[in-house]
Amino acid sequence: QWHFVESGGGLVQPGGSLKLSCTTSGFTVDSYAIAWFRQAPGKEREAISCISSNDGNTLYENSVRLRFTASRDVAKNTVYLQMNSLTPEDTAVYYCAAGGPYCSDWLIGRYNAFDRRGQGTQVTVSS
């Protein structure tokens, strides 16, 4: 059985940073592409990043490309999302999800392929 546990969210001031963690079990993070998504109240799900299984290559959504960094620690079976220069528009529930081995589905917007996910962690950016 697959499990995802996100942590690291919280309240941060604009311009601040947070590092989210997604600790998994039941599979290995180097066997499946792992994506980060976020969803704010009243808004559609937004794809943030995707790490490919084979080489760890990472893709980003344009609005976070220069501010967020996704990474993974295969030994810990954990994926991270370092978020810098946060703005109120980044406020949302962030969650990780697993898809096929590569980020091809993420790249073409087939986000439903990432159908195994955690409950998420709340990130609130406010002064």
Foldseek 3Di string as FASTA:
>chain_A
DKAWDKDFADEAAAQAKIKIKIQMDPDFCLQWKKWKWWDAPPDDIGTAKIAANPPRDMDGDVVQVVFWDWGDDRVRSMIMIIGGRDDQVPWTFMKMFTAHRGCPCVVVVVVVRRVGIHPTDTHGYHD
